[in-house]
PDB file of N, CA and C in Angstrom:
ATOM      1  N   MET A   1     129.056  46.548  42.606  1.00  0.00           N
ATOM      2  CA  MET A   1     129.398  45.576  43.620  1.00  0.00           C
ATOM      3  C   MET A   1     129.796  46.273  44.914  1.00  0.00           C
ATOM      4  N   LYS A   2     130.601  47.329  44.837  1.00  0.00           N
ATOM      5  CA  LYS A   2     131.013  48.045  46.032  1.00  0.00           C
ATOM      6  C   LYS A   2     129.803  48.629  46.752  1.00  0.00           C
ATOM      7  N   HIS A   3     128.804  49.085  46.003  1.00  0.00           N
ATOM      8  CA  HIS A   3     127.600  49.666  46.585  1.00  0.00           C
ATOM      9  C   HIS A   3     126.852  48.635  47.431  1.00  0.00           C
ATOM     10  N   SER A   4     126.757  47.399  46.994  1.00  0.00           N
ATOM     11  CA  SER A   4     126.054  46.336  47.721  1.00  0.00           C
ATOM     12  C   SER A   4     126.752  46.021  49.035  1.00  0.00           C
ATOM     13  N   VAL A   5     128.047  45.980  49.038  1.00  0.00           N
ATOM     14  CA  VAL A   5     128.797  45.702  50.258  1.00  0.00           C
ATOM     15  C   VAL A   5     128.601  46.831  51.273  1.00  0.00           C
ATOM     16  N   LEU A   6     128.642  48.071  50.814  1.00  0.00           N
ATOM     17  CA  LEU A   6     128.460  49.223  51.693  1.00  0.00           C
ATOM     18  C   LEU A   6     127.072  49.200  52.319  1.00  0.00           C
ATOM     19  N   VAL A   7     126.058  48.890  51.540  1.00  0.00           N
ATOM     20  CA  VAL A   7     124.688  48.815  52.059  1.00  0.00           C
ATOM     21  C   VAL A   7     124.588  47.717  53.109  1.00  0.00           C
ATOM     22  N   ALA A   8     125.171  46.561  52.869  1.00  0.00           N
ATOM     23  CA  ALA A   8     125.117  45.447  53.818  1.00  0.00           C
ATOM     24  C   ALA A   8     125.806  45.811  55.125  1.00  0.00           C
ATOM     25  N   VAL A   9     126.945  46.471  55.064  1.00  0.00           N
ATOM     26  CA  VAL A   9     127.655  46.895  56.264  1.00  0.00           C
ATOM     27  C   VAL A   9     126.840  47.931  57.030  1.00  0.00           C
ATOM     28  N   THR A  10     126.237  48.875  56.333  1.00  0.00           N
ATOM     29  CA  THR A  10     125.424  49.909  56.974  1.00  0.00           C
ATOM     30  C   THR A  10     124.218  49.290  57.671  1.00  0.00           C
ATOM     31  N   VAL A  11     123.525  48.375  57.010  1.00  0.00           N
ATOM     32  CA  VAL A  11     122.361  47.698  57.614  1.00  0.00           C
ATOM     33  C   VAL A  11     122.796  46.919  58.844  1.00  0.00           C
ATOM     34  N   ALA A  12     123.909  46.219  58.792  1.00  0.00           N
ATOM     35  CA  ALA A  12     124.404  45.464  59.943  1.00  0.00           C
ATOM     36  C   ALA A  12     124.745  46.403  61.093  1.00  0.00           C
ATOM     37  N   ALA A  13     125.336  47.544  60.806  1.00  0.00           N
ATOM     38  CA  ALA A  13     125.689  48.510  61.853  1.00  0.00           C
ATOM     39  C   ALA A  13     124.447  49.082  62.511  1.00  0.00           C
ATOM     40  N   ILE A  14     123.413  49.373  61.719  1.00  0.00           N
ATOM     41  CA  ILE A  14     122.163  49.892  62.284  1.00  0.00           C
ATOM     42  C   ILE A  14     121.499  48.835  63.154  1.00  0.00           C
ATOM     43  N   ALA A  15     121.479  47.594  62.717  1.00  0.00           N
ATOM     44  CA  ALA A  15     120.873  46.514  63.493  1.00  0.00           C
ATOM     45  C   ALA A  15     121.617  46.321  64.810  1.00  0.00           C
ATOM     46  N   PHE A  16     122.947  46.379  64.793  1.00  0.00           N
ATOM     47  CA  PHE A  16     123.731  46.236  66.005  1.00  0.00           C
ATOM     48  C   PHE A  16     123.466  47.384  66.961  1.00  0.00           C
ATOM     49  N   ALA A  17     123.423  48.604  66.462  1.00  0.00           N
ATOM     50  CA  ALA A  17     123.180  49.772  67.308  1.00  0.00           C
ATOM     51  C   ALA A  17     121.805  49.697  67.942  1.00  0.00           C
ATOM     52  N   SER A  18     120.821  49.231  67.208  1.00  0.00           N
ATOM     53  CA  SER A  18     119.468  49.121  67.748  1.00  0.00           C
ATOM     54  C   SER A  18     119.407  48.085  68.851  1.00  0.00           C
ATOM     55  N   SER A  19     120.091  46.959  68.686  1.00  0.00           N
ATOM     56  CA  SER A  19     120.041  45.914  69.706  1.00  0.00           C
ATOM     57  C   SER A  19     120.878  46.278  70.922  1.00  0.00           C
ATOM     58  N   ALA A  20     121.832  47.197  70.788  1.00  0.00           N
ATOM     59  CA  ALA A  20     122.702  47.574  71.892  1.00  0.00           C
ATOM     60  C   ALA A  20     122.085  48.638  72.794  1.00  0.00           C
ATOM     61  N   GLN A  21     120.990  49.272  72.357  1.00  0.00           N
ATOM     62  CA  GLN A  21     120.378  50.319  73.158  1.00  0.00           C
ATOM     63  C   GLN A  21     119.743  49.721  74.407  1.00  0.00           C
ATOM     64  N   ALA A  22     119.786  50.464  75.496  1.00  0.00           N
ATOM     65  CA  ALA A  22     119.199  50.015  76.747  1.00  0.00           C
ATOM     66  C   ALA A  22     117.683  50.048  76.649  1.00  0.00           C
ATOM     67  N   GLU A  23     117.065  49.059  77.284  1.00  0.00           N
ATOM     68  CA  GLU A  23     115.612  49.026  77.324  1.00  0.00           C
ATOM     69  C   GLU A  23     115.133  49.724  78.585  1.00  0.00           C
ATOM     70  N   ASP A  24     113.910  50.247  78.536  1.00  0.00           N
ATOM     71  CA  ASP A  24     113.319  50.860  79.716  1.00  0.00           C
ATOM     72  C   ASP A  24     113.117  49.788  80.777  1.00  0.00           C
ATOM     73  N   LEU A  25     113.325  50.167  82.025  1.00  0.00           N
ATOM     74  CA  LEU A  25     113.133  49.260  83.150  1.00  0.00           C
ATOM     75  C   LEU A  25     111.744  49.516  83.724  1.00  0.00           C
ATOM     76  N   VAL A  26     110.877  48.517  83.678  1.00  0.00           N
ATOM     77  CA  VAL A  26     109.505  48.653  84.148  1.00  0.00           C
ATOM     78  C   VAL A  26     109.305  47.736  85.347  1.00  0.00           C
ATOM     79  N   PHE A  27     108.753  48.287  86.429  1.00  0.00           N
ATOM     80  CA  PHE A  27     108.452  47.475  87.604  1.00  0.00           C
ATOM     81  C   PHE A  27     107.269  48.095  88.348  1.00  0.00           C
ATOM     82  N   THR A  28     106.682  47.299  89.244  1.00  0.00           N
ATOM     83  CA  THR A  28     105.544  47.747  90.034  1.00  0.00           C
ATOM     84  C   THR A  28     106.010  48.050  91.448  1.00  0.00           C
ATOM     85  N   LEU A  29     105.596  49.204  91.959  1.00  0.00           N
ATOM     86  CA  LEU A  29     105.905  49.611  93.331  1.00  0.00           C
ATOM     87  C   LEU A  29     104.614  49.595  94.129  1.00  0.00           C
ATOM     88  N   LYS A  30     104.630  48.898  95.271  1.00  0.00           N
ATOM     89  CA  LYS A  30     103.451  48.837  96.137  1.00  0.00           C
ATOM     90  C   LYS A  30     103.785  49.451  97.490  1.00  0.00           C
ATOM     91  N   ASN A  31     102.892  50.292  97.973  1.00  0.00           N
ATOM     92  CA  ASN A  31     103.048  50.926  99.282  1.00  0.00           C
ATOM     93  C   ASN A  31     102.251  50.112 100.299  1.00  0.00           C
ATOM     94  N   ASP A  32     102.953  49.276 101.061  1.00  0.00           N
ATOM     95  CA  ASP A  32     102.316  48.444 102.087  1.00  0.00           C
ATOM     96  C   ASP A  32     102.594  49.037 103.473  1.00  0.00           C
ATOM     97  N   THR A  33     102.578  50.373 103.561  1.00  0.00           N
ATOM     98  CA  THR A  33     102.755  51.056 104.837  1.00  0.00           C
ATOM     99  C   THR A  33     101.452  51.776 105.181  1.00  0.00           C
ATOM    100  N   SER A  34     101.448  52.431 106.336  1.00  0.00           N
ATOM    101  CA  SER A  34     100.266  53.193 106.753  1.00  0.00           C
ATOM    102  C   SER A  34     100.383  54.670 106.394  1.00  0.00           C
ATOM    103  N   ALA A  35     101.421  55.030 105.650  1.00  0.00           N
ATOM    104  CA  ALA A  35     101.675  56.442 105.334  1.00  0.00           C
ATOM    105  C   ALA A  35     101.710  56.656 103.825  1.00  0.00           C
ATOM    106  N   THR A  36     101.445  57.893 103.423  1.00  0.00           N
ATOM    107  CA  THR A  36     101.519  58.276 102.013  1.00  0.00           C
ATOM    108  C   THR A  36     102.977  58.435 101.611  1.00  0.00           C
ATOM    109  N   LEU A  37     103.344  57.777 100.534  1.00  0.00           N
ATOM    110  CA  LEU A  37     104.684  57.897  99.973  1.00  0.00           C
ATOM    111  C   LEU A  37     104.658  59.098  99.032  1.00  0.00           C
ATOM    112  N   VAL A  38     105.389  60.150  99.385  1.00  0.00           N
ATOM    113  CA  VAL A  38     105.301  61.403  98.625  1.00  0.00           C
ATOM    114  C   VAL A  38     106.424  61.589  97.614  1.00  0.00           C
ATOM    115  N   ARG A  39     107.569  60.970  97.840  1.00  0.00           N
ATOM    116  CA  ARG A  39     108.683  61.069  96.897  1.00  0.00           C
ATOM    117  C   ARG A  39     109.397  59.723  96.813  1.00  0.00           C
ATOM    118  N   PHE A  40     109.828  59.403  95.587  1.00  0.00           N
ATOM    119  CA  PHE A  40     110.564  58.167  95.338  1.00  0.00           C
ATOM    120  C   PHE A  40     111.696  58.496  94.373  1.00  0.00           C
ATOM    121  N   HIS A  41     112.915  58.337  94.848  1.00  0.00           N
ATOM    122  CA  HIS A  41     114.102  58.623  94.038  1.00  0.00           C
ATOM    123  C   HIS A  41     114.837  57.321  93.753  1.00  0.00           C
ATOM    124  N   THR A  42     115.410  57.235  92.569  1.00  0.00           N
ATOM    125  CA  THR A  42     116.272  56.112  92.219  1.00  0.00           C
ATOM    126  C   THR A  42     117.561  56.653  91.621  1.00  0.00           C
ATOM    127  N   SER A  43     118.586  55.869  91.760  1.00  0.00           N
ATOM    128  CA  SER A  43     119.862  56.141  91.095  1.00  0.00           C
ATOM    129  C   SER A  43     120.568  54.812  90.918  1.00  0.00           C
ATOM    130  N   PRO A  44     121.210  54.607  89.791  1.00  0.00           N
ATOM    131  CA  PRO A  44     121.985  53.386  89.640  1.00  0.00           C
ATOM    132  C   PRO A  44     123.021  53.287  90.766  1.00  0.00           C
ATOM    133  N   VAL A  45     123.254  52.079  91.241  1.00  0.00           N
ATOM    134  CA  VAL A  45     124.245  51.864  92.290  1.00  0.00           C
ATOM    135  C   VAL A  45     125.570  52.466  91.833  1.00  0.00           C
ATOM    136  N   GLY A  46     126.211  53.227  92.705  1.00  0.00           N
ATOM    137  CA  GLY A  46     127.491  53.860  92.391  1.00  0.00           C
ATOM    138  C   GLY A  46     127.379  55.309  91.971  1.00  0.00           C
ATOM    139  N   VAL A  47     126.178  55.774  91.641  1.00  0.00           N
ATOM    140  CA  VAL A  47     125.980  57.181  91.308  1.00  0.00           C
ATOM    141  C   VAL A  47     125.805  57.933  92.617  1.00  0.00           C
ATOM    142  N   GLU A  48     126.548  59.005  92.805  1.00  0.00           N
ATOM    143  CA  GLU A  48     126.596  59.701  94.093  1.00  0.00           C
ATOM    144  C   GLU A  48     125.350  60.517  94.426  1.00  0.00           C
ATOM    145  N   GLU A  49     124.675  61.051  93.443  1.00  0.00           N
ATOM    146  CA  GLU A  49     123.529  61.936  93.681  1.00  0.00           C
ATOM    147  C   GLU A  49     122.224  61.219  93.378  1.00  0.00           C
ATOM    148  N   TRP A  50     121.173  61.559  94.138  1.00  0.00           N
ATOM    149  CA  TRP A  50     119.846  61.048  93.821  1.00  0.00           C
ATOM    150  C   TRP A  50     119.331  61.734  92.572  1.00  0.00           C
ATOM    151  N   GLU A  51     118.687  60.966  91.714  1.00  0.00           N
ATOM    152  CA  GLU A  51     118.094  61.542  90.517  1.00  0.00           C
ATOM    153  C   GLU A  51     116.721  62.108  90.868  1.00  0.00           C
ATOM    154  N   ASP A  52     116.050  62.709  89.897  1.00  0.00           N
ATOM    155  CA  ASP A  52     114.764  63.370  90.135  1.00  0.00           C
ATOM    156  C   ASP A  52     113.741  62.420  90.749  1.00  0.00           C
ATOM    157  N   ASP A  53     112.779  63.009  91.459  1.00  0.00           N
ATOM    158  CA  ASP A  53     111.671  62.268  92.039  1.00  0.00           C
ATOM    159  C   ASP A  53     110.890  61.592  90.919  1.00  0.00           C
ATOM    160  N   VAL A  54     110.764  60.274  90.984  1.00  0.00           N
ATOM    161  CA  VAL A  54     110.068  59.508  89.952  1.00  0.00           C
ATOM    162  C   VAL A  54     108.583  59.863  89.912  1.00  0.00           C
ATOM    163  N   PHE A  55     108.001  60.195  91.064  1.00  0.00           N
ATOM    164  CA  PHE A  55     106.566  60.484  91.147  1.00  0.00           C
ATOM    165  C   PHE A  55     106.178  61.820  90.527  1.00  0.00           C
ATOM    166  N   GLY A  56     107.069  62.789  90.528  1.00  0.00           N
ATOM    167  CA  GLY A  56     106.686  64.125  90.075  1.00  0.00           C
ATOM    168  C   GLY A  56     105.660  64.695  91.031  1.00  0.00           C
ATOM    169  N   SER A  57     104.459  64.991  90.552  1.00  0.00           N
ATOM    170  CA  SER A  57     103.417  65.559  91.429  1.00  0.00           C
ATOM    171  C   SER A  57     102.510  64.478  92.016  1.00  0.00           C
ATOM    172  N   GLN A  58     102.736  63.208  91.676  1.00  0.00           N
ATOM    173  CA  GLN A  58     101.919  62.117  92.202  1.00  0.00           C
ATOM    174  C   GLN A  58     102.387  61.693  93.583  1.00  0.00           C
ATOM    175  N   VAL A  59     101.523  60.980  94.300  1.00  0.00           N
ATOM    176  CA  VAL A  59     101.880  60.328  95.552  1.00  0.00           C
ATOM    177  C   VAL A  59     101.347  58.901  95.479  1.00  0.00           C
ATOM    178  N   LEU A  60     101.809  58.051  96.408  1.00  0.00           N
ATOM    179  CA  LEU A  60     101.328  56.679  96.475  1.00  0.00           C
ATOM    180  C   LEU A  60     100.738  56.454  97.855  1.00  0.00           C
ATOM    181  N   GLU A  61      99.432  56.335  97.889  1.00  0.00           N
ATOM    182  CA  GLU A  61      98.717  56.170  99.146  1.00  0.00           C
ATOM    183  C   GLU A  61      98.927  54.765  99.714  1.00  0.00           C
ATOM    184  N   PRO A  62      98.687  54.571 101.016  1.00  0.00           N
ATOM    185  CA  PRO A  62      98.800  53.230 101.613  1.00  0.00           C
ATOM    186  C   PRO A  62      97.936  52.222 100.861  1.00  0.00           C
ATOM    187  N   GLY A  63      98.513  51.065 100.570  1.00  0.00           N
ATOM    188  CA  GLY A  63      97.793  50.005  99.882  1.00  0.00           C
ATOM    189  C   GLY A  63      97.770  50.129  98.372  1.00  0.00           C
ATOM    190  N   GLU A  64      98.184  51.240  97.820  1.00  0.00           N
ATOM    191  CA  GLU A  64      98.169  51.438  96.370  1.00  0.00           C
ATOM    192  C   GLU A  64      99.433  50.875  95.718  1.00  0.00           C
ATOM    193  N   SER A  65      99.306  50.570  94.428  1.00  0.00           N
ATOM    194  CA  SER A  65     100.428  50.135  93.595  1.00  0.00           C
ATOM    195  C   SER A  65     100.490  51.025  92.368  1.00  0.00           C
ATOM    196  N   ILE A  66     101.685  51.124  91.798  1.00  0.00           N
ATOM    197  CA  ILE A  66     101.857  51.896  90.574  1.00  0.00           C
ATOM    198  C   ILE A  66     102.922  51.203  89.730  1.00  0.00           C
ATOM    199  N   GLU A  67     102.697  51.185  88.424  1.00  0.00           N
ATOM    200  CA  GLU A  67     103.714  50.678  87.515  1.00  0.00           C
ATOM    201  C   GLU A  67     104.608  51.844  87.118  1.00  0.00           C
ATOM    202  N   LEU A  68     105.898  51.674  87.325  1.00  0.00           N
ATOM    203  CA  LEU A  68     106.863  52.739  87.048  1.00  0.00           C
ATOM    204  C   LEU A  68     107.810  52.324  85.934  1.00  0.00           C
ATOM    205  N   THR A  69     108.244  53.306  85.177  1.00  0.00           N
ATOM    206  CA  THR A  69     109.218  53.073  84.122  1.00  0.00           C
ATOM    207  C   THR A  69     110.419  53.966  84.366  1.00  0.00           C
ATOM    208  N   ILE A  70     111.583  53.351  84.437  1.00  0.00           N
ATOM    209  CA  ILE A  70     112.832  54.104  84.516  1.00  0.00           C
ATOM    210  C   ILE A  70     113.422  54.076  83.113  1.00  0.00           C
ATOM    211  N   ALA A  71     113.344  55.210  82.442  1.00  0.00           N
ATOM    212  CA  ALA A  71     113.813  55.316  81.058  1.00  0.00           C
ATOM    213  C   ALA A  71     115.011  56.254  81.022  1.00  0.00           C
ATOM    214  N   ASP A  72     116.056  55.860  81.745  1.00  0.00           N
ATOM    215  CA  ASP A  72     117.226  56.728  81.851  1.00  0.00           C
ATOM    216  C   ASP A  72     118.305  56.423  80.811  1.00  0.00           C
ATOM    217  N   GLY A  73     118.041  55.478  79.931  1.00  0.00           N
ATOM    218  CA  GLY A  73     118.993  55.166  78.869  1.00  0.00           C
ATOM    219  C   GLY A  73     120.170  54.322  79.319  1.00  0.00           C
ATOM    220  N   ARG A  74     120.166  53.911  80.572  1.00  0.00           N
ATOM    221  CA  ARG A  74     121.275  53.095  81.074  1.00  0.00           C
ATOM    222  C   ARG A  74     120.943  51.618  80.922  1.00  0.00           C
ATOM    223  N   ASP A  75     121.970  50.817  80.872  1.00  0.00           N
ATOM    224  CA  ASP A  75     121.793  49.375  80.765  1.00  0.00           C
ATOM    225  C   ASP A  75     122.211  48.754  82.094  1.00  0.00           C
ATOM    226  N   VAL A  76     121.500  49.140  83.171  1.00  0.00           N
ATOM    227  CA  VAL A  76     121.797  48.637  84.510  1.00  0.00           C
ATOM    228  C   VAL A  76     120.508  48.134  85.157  1.00  0.00           C
ATOM    229  N   CYS A  77     120.662  47.301  86.157  1.00  0.00           N
ATOM    230  CA  CYS A  77     119.513  46.744  86.873  1.00  0.00           C
ATOM    231  C   CYS A  77     119.539  47.083  88.358  1.00  0.00           C
ATOM    232  N   GLU A  78     120.733  47.276  88.919  1.00  0.00           N
ATOM    233  CA  GLU A  78     120.833  47.538  90.355  1.00  0.00           C
ATOM    234  C   GLU A  78     120.690  49.029  90.629  1.00  0.00           C
ATOM    235  N   TYR A  79     119.676  49.347  91.427  1.00  0.00           N
ATOM    236  CA  TYR A  79     119.366  50.734  91.743  1.00  0.00           C
ATOM    237  C   TYR A  79     119.302  50.940  93.244  1.00  0.00           C
ATOM    238  N   ASP A  80     119.812  52.089  93.681  1.00  0.00           N
ATOM    239  CA  ASP A  80     119.555  52.580  95.027  1.00  0.00           C
ATOM    240  C   ASP A  80     118.201  53.267  94.973  1.00  0.00           C
ATOM    241  N   MET A  81     117.417  53.092  96.033  1.00  0.00           N
ATOM    242  CA  MET A  81     116.083  53.691  96.075  1.00  0.00           C
ATOM    243  C   MET A  81     115.919  54.455  97.377  1.00  0.00           C
ATOM    244  N   ARG A  82     115.217  55.571  97.301  1.00  0.00           N
ATOM    245  CA  ARG A  82     114.963  56.418  98.474  1.00  0.00           C
ATOM    246  C   ARG A  82     113.467  56.706  98.522  1.00  0.00           C
ATOM    247  N   PHE A  83     112.839  56.365  99.653  1.00  0.00           N
ATOM    248  CA  PHE A  83     111.404  56.521  99.855  1.00  0.00           C
ATOM    249  C   PHE A  83     111.174  57.600 100.910  1.00  0.00           C
ATOM    250  N   GLU A  84     110.427  58.632 100.547  1.00  0.00           N
ATOM    251  CA  GLU A  84     110.125  59.718 101.481  1.00  0.00           C
ATOM    252  C   GLU A  84     108.619  59.758 101.725  1.00  0.00           C
ATOM    253  N   PHE A  85     108.251  59.750 103.010  1.00  0.00           N
ATOM    254  CA  PHE A  85     106.851  59.695 103.404  1.00  0.00           C
ATOM    255  C   PHE A  85     106.323  61.066 103.809  1.00  0.00           C
ATOM    256  N   ASP A  86     104.996  61.177 103.834  1.00  0.00           N
ATOM    257  CA  ASP A  86     104.322  62.390 104.271  1.00  0.00           C
ATOM    258  C   ASP A  86     104.935  62.838 105.597  1.00  0.00           C
ATOM    259  N   GLU A  87     105.200  64.137 105.724  1.00  0.00           N
ATOM    260  CA  GLU A  87     105.852  64.663 106.933  1.00  0.00           C
ATOM    261  C   GLU A  87     105.011  64.484 108.191  1.00  0.00           C
ATOM    262  N   ASN A  88     103.709  64.265 108.054  1.00  0.00           N
ATOM    263  CA  ASN A  88     102.845  64.057 109.212  1.00  0.00           C
ATOM    264  C   ASN A  88     102.805  62.605 109.677  1.00  0.00           C
ATOM    265  N   SER A  89     103.480  61.727 108.966  1.00  0.00           N
ATOM    266  CA  SER A  89     103.497  60.315 109.365  1.00  0.00           C
ATOM    267  C   SER A  89     104.628  60.080 110.361  1.00  0.00           C
ATOM    268  N   ASN A  90     104.613  58.905 110.962  1.00  0.00           N
ATOM    269  CA  ASN A  90     105.680  58.558 111.906  1.00  0.00           C
ATOM    270  C   ASN A  90     106.789  57.751 111.221  1.00  0.00           C
ATOM    271  N   LEU A  91     106.751  57.662 109.882  1.00  0.00           N
ATOM    272  CA  LEU A  91     107.767  56.905 109.150  1.00  0.00           C
ATOM    273  C   LEU A  91     108.881  57.817 108.669  1.00  0.00           C
ATOM    274  N   GLU A  92     110.091  57.332 108.823  1.00  0.00           N
ATOM    275  CA  GLU A  92     111.252  58.100 108.379  1.00  0.00           C
ATOM    276  C   GLU A  92     111.631  57.696 106.958  1.00  0.00           C
ATOM    277  N   THR A  93     112.411  58.531 106.320  1.00  0.00           N
ATOM    278  CA  THR A  93     112.925  58.230 104.987  1.00  0.00           C
ATOM    279  C   THR A  93     113.662  56.901 105.023  1.00  0.00           C
ATOM    280  N   THR A  94     113.403  56.078 104.014  1.00  0.00           N
ATOM    281  CA  THR A  94     113.991  54.739 103.947  1.00  0.00           C
ATOM    282  C   THR A  94     114.783  54.613 102.661  1.00  0.00           C
ATOM    283  N   GLU A  95     115.894  53.897 102.716  1.00  0.00           N
ATOM    284  CA  GLU A  95     116.697  53.640 101.525  1.00  0.00           C
ATOM    285  C   GLU A  95     116.939  52.145 101.388  1.00  0.00           C
ATOM    286  N   ASP A  96     117.062  51.689 100.158  1.00  0.00           N
ATOM    287  CA  ASP A  96     117.302  50.278  99.878  1.00  0.00           C
ATOM    288  C   ASP A  96     118.036  50.167  98.549  1.00  0.00           C
ATOM    289  N   LYS A  97     118.604  48.990  98.289  1.00  0.00           N
ATOM    290  CA  LYS A  97     119.277  48.711  97.020  1.00  0.00           C
ATOM    291  C   LYS A  97     118.746  47.378  96.513  1.00  0.00           C
ATOM    292  N   GLN A  98     118.310  47.329  95.243  1.00  0.00           N
ATOM    293  CA  GLN A  98     117.757  46.105  94.675  1.00  0.00           C
ATOM    294  C   GLN A  98     118.104  45.981  93.205  1.00  0.00           C
ATOM    295  N   ASP A  99     118.069  44.738  92.719  1.00  0.00           N
ATOM    296  CA  ASP A  99     118.170  44.452  91.290  1.00  0.00           C
ATOM    297  C   ASP A  99     116.742  44.470  90.752  1.00  0.00           C
ATOM    298  N   LEU A 100     116.325  45.576  90.181  1.00  0.00           N
ATOM    299  CA  LEU A 100     114.943  45.752  89.742  1.00  0.00           C
ATOM    300  C   LEU A 100     114.603  44.911  88.514  1.00  0.00           C
ATOM    301  N   CYS A 101     115.587  44.467  87.755  1.00  0.00           N
ATOM    302  CA  CYS A 101     115.313  43.600  86.610  1.00  0.00           C
ATOM    303  C   CYS A 101     114.837  42.226  87.082  1.00  0.00           C
ATOM    304  N   LYS A 102     115.422  41.721  88.150  1.00  0.00           N
ATOM    305  CA  LYS A 102     115.039  40.410  88.678  1.00  0.00           C
ATOM    306  C   LYS A 102     113.719  40.461  89.426  1.00  0.00           C
ATOM    307  N   LEU A 103     113.442  41.567  90.121  1.00  0.00           N
ATOM    308  CA  LEU A 103     112.244  41.640  90.961  1.00  0.00           C
ATOM    309  C   LEU A 103     110.961  41.770  90.161  1.00  0.00           C
ATOM    310  N   GLY A 104     110.894  42.741  89.308  1.00  0.00           N
ATOM    311  CA  GLY A 104     109.662  43.007  88.580  1.00  0.00           C
ATOM    312  C   GLY A 104     108.656  43.804  89.404  1.00  0.00           C
ATOM    313  N   SER A 105     108.749  43.660  90.732  1.00  0.00           N
ATOM    314  CA  SER A 105     107.903  44.457  91.629  1.00  0.00           C
ATOM    315  C   SER A 105     108.642  44.624  92.956  1.00  0.00           C
ATOM    316  N   TYR A 106     108.265  45.669  93.675  1.00  0.00           N
ATOM    317  CA  TYR A 106     108.897  45.965  94.960  1.00  0.00           C
ATOM    318  C   TYR A 106     107.806  46.492  95.893  1.00  0.00           C
ATOM    319  N   THR A 107     107.776  45.956  97.106  1.00  0.00           N
ATOM    320  CA  THR A 107     106.804  46.397  98.105  1.00  0.00           C
ATOM    321  C   THR A 107     107.552  47.038  99.256  1.00  0.00           C
ATOM    322  N   ILE A 108     107.181  48.279  99.583  1.00  0.00           N
ATOM    323  CA  ILE A 108     107.767  48.978 100.731  1.00  0.00           C
ATOM    324  C   ILE A 108     106.908  48.662 101.953  1.00  0.00           C
ATOM    325  N   HIS A 109     107.572  48.186 103.031  1.00  0.00           N
ATOM    326  CA  HIS A 109     106.906  47.820 104.283  1.00  0.00           C
ATOM    327  C   HIS A 109     107.368  48.754 105.397  1.00  0.00           C
ATOM    328  N   GLU A 110     106.611  48.772 106.484  1.00  0.00           N
ATOM    329  CA  GLU A 110     107.025  49.546 107.663  1.00  0.00           C
ATOM    330  C   GLU A 110     108.090  48.786 108.413  1.00  0.00           C
TER     331      GLU A 110
END
């Protein structure tokens, strides 16, 4: 009898832990500017440092869209975002803050 109770408690604990894990945040980013977007950084609101460039070695050309996944293990939706454009463009680095869970997509404009 004690064995059955222990198994039930263990299964319940595993189920709770699985449901408590943060899900990956997936959204679409569209570049509606005339310049190549070369770096895109995100950080949860309140975090002092920018996290790694989401693009890595990729860029986002004018008019292009990309589906991005933020798999940082956090259970947050509000992110600070930093957009860096090709150095030969006339666009300066832009920053914004959005609730990416509600948006589902984000378009950067000039």
